[in-house]
Amino acid sequence: MGGIFAGVDAVVSEVRGKDDYVNSAVAGCAAGLVAGIRKRSIPAALGSCAFFATAMGTYDFSGGFEGKMHGMTRDQRDEYRAGLFASAEDLKK
C-alpha cells in the first residue's frame, strides 16, 4: 500500500502541478481501494478509500508532524492565530 500511495501522490502532484493536501487525499483513496480490493469487497474498498483519503488529506492539510507554524517567527504565529478567530468588532456587525 505504501508504494501505491507514494506512486499516486507523485503522479497527481506532477499532473496538477501543485504539492498540497489534495495529492495526499487522492493517494490515500487509491491505497484504500487497493486494500479493499485485496479483501474482494467493494464496500470495504470504498470505505477504505474514504477513510484513508480523509486521514491523509487532514494530516497533510494540518502540516504533518511539524505543523503549519513550524519555522514562523513569533509575530507571524501571532498574526496567523489572530486570523483564525473573529474579533469582537466582527461579531457586532
N, C-alpha and C. Protein backbone atom coordinates (compact mmCIF):
# COMPACT_ATOMS: atom_id res chain seq x y z
N MET A 1 0.81 -1.19 0.00
CA MET A 1 0.00 0.00 0.00
C MET A 1 0.85 1.26 0.00
N GLY A 2 2.00 1.19 0.65
CA GLY A 2 2.88 2.36 0.69
C GLY A 2 3.38 2.75 -0.68
N GLY A 3 3.68 1.75 -1.51
CA GLY A 3 4.14 2.02 -2.88
C GLY A 3 3.04 2.65 -3.71
N ILE A 4 1.83 2.16 -3.54
CA ILE A 4 0.68 2.73 -4.26
C ILE A 4 0.50 4.18 -3.85
N PHE A 5 0.54 4.42 -2.53
CA PHE A 5 0.37 5.79 -2.04
C PHE A 5 1.44 6.72 -2.61
N ALA A 6 2.70 6.31 -2.50
CA ALA A 6 3.80 7.16 -2.97
C ALA A 6 3.73 7.40 -4.47
N GLY A 7 3.43 6.36 -5.22
CA GLY A 7 3.35 6.50 -6.67
C GLY A 7 2.23 7.41 -7.11
N VAL A 8 1.04 7.21 -6.54
CA VAL A 8 -0.10 8.05 -6.91
C VAL A 8 0.12 9.48 -6.45
N ASP A 9 0.70 9.67 -5.28
CA ASP A 9 1.00 11.02 -4.80
C ASP A 9 1.92 11.76 -5.76
N ALA A 10 2.94 11.08 -6.24
CA ALA A 10 3.89 11.70 -7.18
C ALA A 10 3.23 12.01 -8.51
N VAL A 11 2.43 11.08 -9.02
CA VAL A 11 1.77 11.29 -10.32
C VAL A 11 0.76 12.43 -10.24
N VAL A 12 -0.04 12.46 -9.20
CA VAL A 12 -1.04 13.52 -9.05
C VAL A 12 -0.35 14.87 -8.89
N SER A 13 0.74 14.90 -8.16
CA SER A 13 1.49 16.14 -8.00
C SER A 13 2.01 16.66 -9.33
N GLU A 14 2.51 15.76 -10.16
CA GLU A 14 3.01 16.15 -11.49
C GLU A 14 1.87 16.62 -12.40
N VAL A 15 0.77 15.91 -12.39
CA VAL A 15 -0.36 16.25 -13.26
C VAL A 15 -0.97 17.59 -12.86
N ARG A 16 -1.18 17.80 -11.55
CA ARG A 16 -1.79 19.03 -11.08
C ARG A 16 -0.82 20.20 -11.04
N GLY A 17 0.46 19.91 -10.91
CA GLY A 17 1.45 20.98 -10.81
C GLY A 17 1.46 21.64 -9.44
N LYS A 18 0.87 20.98 -8.44
CA LYS A 18 0.82 21.51 -7.08
C LYS A 18 1.24 20.41 -6.12
N ASP A 19 1.77 20.82 -4.98
CA ASP A 19 2.10 19.86 -3.93
C ASP A 19 1.34 20.27 -2.68
N ASP A 20 0.11 19.76 -2.55
CA ASP A 20 -0.71 20.13 -1.41
C ASP A 20 -1.47 18.92 -0.87
N TYR A 21 -2.41 19.16 0.01
CA TYR A 21 -3.14 18.08 0.69
C TYR A 21 -4.03 17.27 -0.24
N VAL A 22 -4.44 17.83 -1.37
CA VAL A 22 -5.30 17.10 -2.30
C VAL A 22 -4.56 15.88 -2.86
N ASN A 23 -3.28 16.04 -3.14
CA ASN A 23 -2.50 14.91 -3.65
C ASN A 23 -2.51 13.76 -2.66
N SER A 24 -2.33 14.06 -1.38
CA SER A 24 -2.33 13.02 -0.36
C SER A 24 -3.70 12.38 -0.22
N ALA A 25 -4.75 13.17 -0.36
CA ALA A 25 -6.10 12.61 -0.27
C ALA A 25 -6.37 11.64 -1.41
N VAL A 26 -5.99 12.01 -2.62
CA VAL A 26 -6.18 11.12 -3.77
C VAL A 26 -5.34 9.86 -3.61
N ALA A 27 -4.10 10.02 -3.18
CA ALA A 27 -3.23 8.86 -2.99
C ALA A 27 -3.76 7.96 -1.86
N GLY A 28 -4.29 8.56 -0.81
CA GLY A 28 -4.88 7.77 0.27
C GLY A 28 -6.09 6.98 -0.21
N CYS A 29 -6.89 7.59 -1.06
CA CYS A 29 -8.04 6.89 -1.62
C CYS A 29 -7.58 5.71 -2.48
N ALA A 30 -6.56 5.91 -3.29
CA ALA A 30 -6.04 4.82 -4.14
C ALA A 30 -5.51 3.68 -3.28
N ALA A 31 -4.79 4.00 -2.23
CA ALA A 31 -4.26 2.96 -1.34
C ALA A 31 -5.40 2.22 -0.64
N GLY A 32 -6.42 2.96 -0.24
CA GLY A 32 -7.58 2.34 0.39
C GLY A 32 -8.34 1.42 -0.57
N LEU A 33 -8.45 1.84 -1.82
CA LEU A 33 -9.11 1.00 -2.82
C LEU A 33 -8.36 -0.32 -2.98
N VAL A 34 -7.06 -0.24 -3.04
CA VAL A 34 -6.26 -1.47 -3.18
C VAL A 34 -6.45 -2.37 -1.97
N ALA A 35 -6.49 -1.79 -0.78
CA ALA A 35 -6.68 -2.59 0.43
C ALA A 35 -8.04 -3.28 0.40
N GLY A 36 -9.07 -2.56 -0.02
CA GLY A 36 -10.40 -3.15 -0.10
C GLY A 36 -10.52 -4.20 -1.19
N ILE A 37 -9.87 -3.97 -2.31
CA ILE A 37 -9.91 -4.94 -3.40
C ILE A 37 -9.21 -6.23 -3.00
N ARG A 38 -8.17 -6.12 -2.21
CA ARG A 38 -7.49 -7.33 -1.72
C ARG A 38 -8.41 -8.18 -0.86
N LYS A 39 -9.39 -7.54 -0.21
CA LYS A 39 -10.38 -8.28 0.58
C LYS A 39 -11.52 -8.77 -0.30
N ARG A 40 -11.52 -8.40 -1.57
CA ARG A 40 -12.55 -8.74 -2.55
C ARG A 40 -13.93 -8.24 -2.12
N SER A 41 -13.93 -6.99 -1.70
CA SER A 41 -15.17 -6.38 -1.23
C SER A 41 -15.24 -4.93 -1.70
N ILE A 42 -16.24 -4.62 -2.51
CA ILE A 42 -16.43 -3.25 -2.99
C ILE A 42 -16.76 -2.30 -1.83
N PRO A 43 -17.67 -2.67 -0.91
CA PRO A 43 -17.92 -1.76 0.22
C PRO A 43 -16.67 -1.50 1.06
N ALA A 44 -15.85 -2.52 1.26
CA ALA A 44 -14.60 -2.32 2.02
C ALA A 44 -13.65 -1.41 1.25
N ALA A 45 -13.61 -1.57 -0.07
CA ALA A 45 -12.74 -0.72 -0.90
C ALA A 45 -13.18 0.74 -0.83
N LEU A 46 -14.49 0.98 -0.94
CA LEU A 46 -14.98 2.36 -0.89
C LEU A 46 -14.82 2.96 0.51
N GLY A 47 -15.07 2.15 1.54
CA GLY A 47 -14.88 2.64 2.91
C GLY A 47 -13.43 2.95 3.20
N SER A 48 -12.53 2.08 2.75
CA SER A 48 -11.09 2.32 2.95
C SER A 48 -10.64 3.54 2.18
N CYS A 49 -11.18 3.71 0.99
CA CYS A 49 -10.85 4.89 0.18
C CYS A 49 -11.24 6.16 0.94
N ALA A 50 -12.47 6.19 1.45
CA ALA A 50 -12.94 7.37 2.18
C ALA A 50 -12.12 7.61 3.44
N PHE A 51 -11.83 6.55 4.16
CA PHE A 51 -11.07 6.69 5.41
C PHE A 51 -9.66 7.21 5.16
N PHE A 52 -8.92 6.54 4.26
CA PHE A 52 -7.54 6.93 4.02
C PHE A 52 -7.44 8.29 3.35
N ALA A 53 -8.38 8.62 2.47
CA ALA A 53 -8.37 9.94 1.85
C ALA A 53 -8.56 11.02 2.90
N THR A 54 -9.51 10.80 3.81
CA THR A 54 -9.76 11.78 4.87
C THR A 54 -8.57 11.89 5.82
N ALA A 55 -8.04 10.74 6.23
CA ALA A 55 -6.92 10.74 7.18
C ALA A 55 -5.68 11.40 6.59
N MET A 56 -5.31 11.03 5.39
CA MET A 56 -4.08 11.56 4.80
C MET A 56 -4.25 13.02 4.37
N GLY A 57 -5.42 13.36 3.84
CA GLY A 57 -5.67 14.76 3.46
C GLY A 57 -5.64 15.68 4.67
N THR A 58 -6.25 15.24 5.77
CA THR A 58 -6.26 16.04 7.00
C THR A 58 -4.85 16.16 7.57
N TYR A 59 -4.12 15.08 7.55
CA TYR A 59 -2.74 15.09 8.06
C TYR A 59 -1.90 16.10 7.28
N ASP A 60 -1.98 16.05 5.96
CA ASP A 60 -1.19 16.98 5.14
C ASP A 60 -1.69 18.42 5.29
N PHE A 61 -3.01 18.60 5.36
CA PHE A 61 -3.57 19.95 5.49
C PHE A 61 -3.12 20.60 6.79
N SER A 62 -3.01 19.80 7.85
CA SER A 62 -2.62 20.36 9.15
C SER A 62 -1.12 20.59 9.27
N GLY A 63 -0.35 20.17 8.30
CA GLY A 63 1.08 20.43 8.30
C GLY A 63 1.92 19.25 8.71
N GLY A 64 1.34 18.09 8.83
CA GLY A 64 2.12 16.89 9.16
C GLY A 64 2.64 16.95 10.58
N PHE A 65 3.79 16.35 10.79
CA PHE A 65 4.37 16.31 12.13
C PHE A 65 4.84 17.68 12.60
N GLU A 66 5.24 18.54 11.68
CA GLU A 66 5.80 19.83 12.07
C GLU A 66 4.73 20.88 12.33
N GLY A 67 3.58 20.79 11.72
CA GLY A 67 2.52 21.77 11.90
C GLY A 67 2.71 22.95 10.97
N LYS A 68 1.65 23.72 10.80
CA LYS A 68 1.69 24.86 9.88
C LYS A 68 2.58 25.99 10.39
N MET A 69 2.78 26.08 11.70
CA MET A 69 3.53 27.20 12.25
C MET A 69 5.02 26.92 12.38
N HIS A 70 5.47 25.78 11.93
CA HIS A 70 6.89 25.45 12.01
C HIS A 70 7.69 26.42 11.16
N GLY A 71 8.68 27.03 11.74
CA GLY A 71 9.54 27.96 11.02
C GLY A 71 9.05 29.39 11.00
N MET A 72 7.87 29.65 11.58
CA MET A 72 7.36 31.02 11.63
C MET A 72 7.99 31.78 12.79
N THR A 73 8.12 33.08 12.61
CA THR A 73 8.57 33.92 13.72
C THR A 73 7.41 34.11 14.70
N ARG A 74 7.70 34.67 15.85
CA ARG A 74 6.66 34.90 16.87
C ARG A 74 5.56 35.80 16.32
N ASP A 75 5.94 36.86 15.60
CA ASP A 75 4.94 37.78 15.03
C ASP A 75 4.07 37.07 13.99
N GLN A 76 4.68 36.24 13.16
CA GLN A 76 3.92 35.52 12.15
C GLN A 76 2.93 34.54 12.80
N ARG A 77 3.36 33.87 13.86
CA ARG A 77 2.46 32.95 14.58
C ARG A 77 1.29 33.71 15.19
N ASP A 78 1.56 34.86 15.80
CA ASP A 78 0.50 35.66 16.40
C ASP A 78 -0.50 36.15 15.35
N GLU A 79 0.02 36.56 14.20
CA GLU A 79 -0.85 37.01 13.12
C GLU A 79 -1.70 35.86 12.58
N TYR A 80 -1.10 34.69 12.45
CA TYR A 80 -1.84 33.51 11.98
C TYR A 80 -2.95 33.15 12.97
N ARG A 81 -2.63 33.13 14.24
CA ARG A 81 -3.62 32.80 15.27
C ARG A 81 -4.75 33.82 15.31
N ALA A 82 -4.42 35.10 15.16
CA ALA A 82 -5.44 36.15 15.18
C ALA A 82 -6.42 35.99 14.02
N GLY A 83 -5.93 35.50 12.90
CA GLY A 83 -6.80 35.31 11.74
C GLY A 83 -7.74 34.13 11.85
N LEU A 84 -7.55 33.28 12.84
CA LEU A 84 -8.40 32.10 13.00
C LEU A 84 -9.74 32.42 13.67
N PHE A 85 -9.80 33.50 14.42
CA PHE A 85 -10.99 33.81 15.21
C PHE A 85 -11.53 35.19 14.84
N ALA A 86 -12.83 35.34 14.97
CA ALA A 86 -13.47 36.62 14.71
C ALA A 86 -13.19 37.55 15.90
N SER A 87 -13.03 38.83 15.60
CA SER A 87 -12.82 39.79 16.67
C SER A 87 -14.18 40.24 17.21
N ALA A 88 -14.16 40.94 18.32
CA ALA A 88 -15.40 41.42 18.92
C ALA A 88 -16.12 42.38 17.98
N GLU A 89 -15.37 43.18 17.23
CA GLU A 89 -15.97 44.13 16.28
C GLU A 89 -16.66 43.38 15.15
N ASP A 90 -16.08 42.26 14.70
CA ASP A 90 -16.69 41.49 13.64
C ASP A 90 -18.01 40.87 14.09
N LEU A 91 -18.10 40.49 15.35
CA LEU A 91 -19.32 39.86 15.86
C LEU A 91 -20.45 40.85 16.03
N LYS A 92 -20.13 42.13 16.21
CA LYS A 92 -21.16 43.16 16.39
C LYS A 92 -21.81 43.53 15.07
N LYS A 93 -21.18 43.23 13.96
CA LYS A 93 -21.71 43.63 12.64
C LYS A 93 -22.88 42.79 12.25
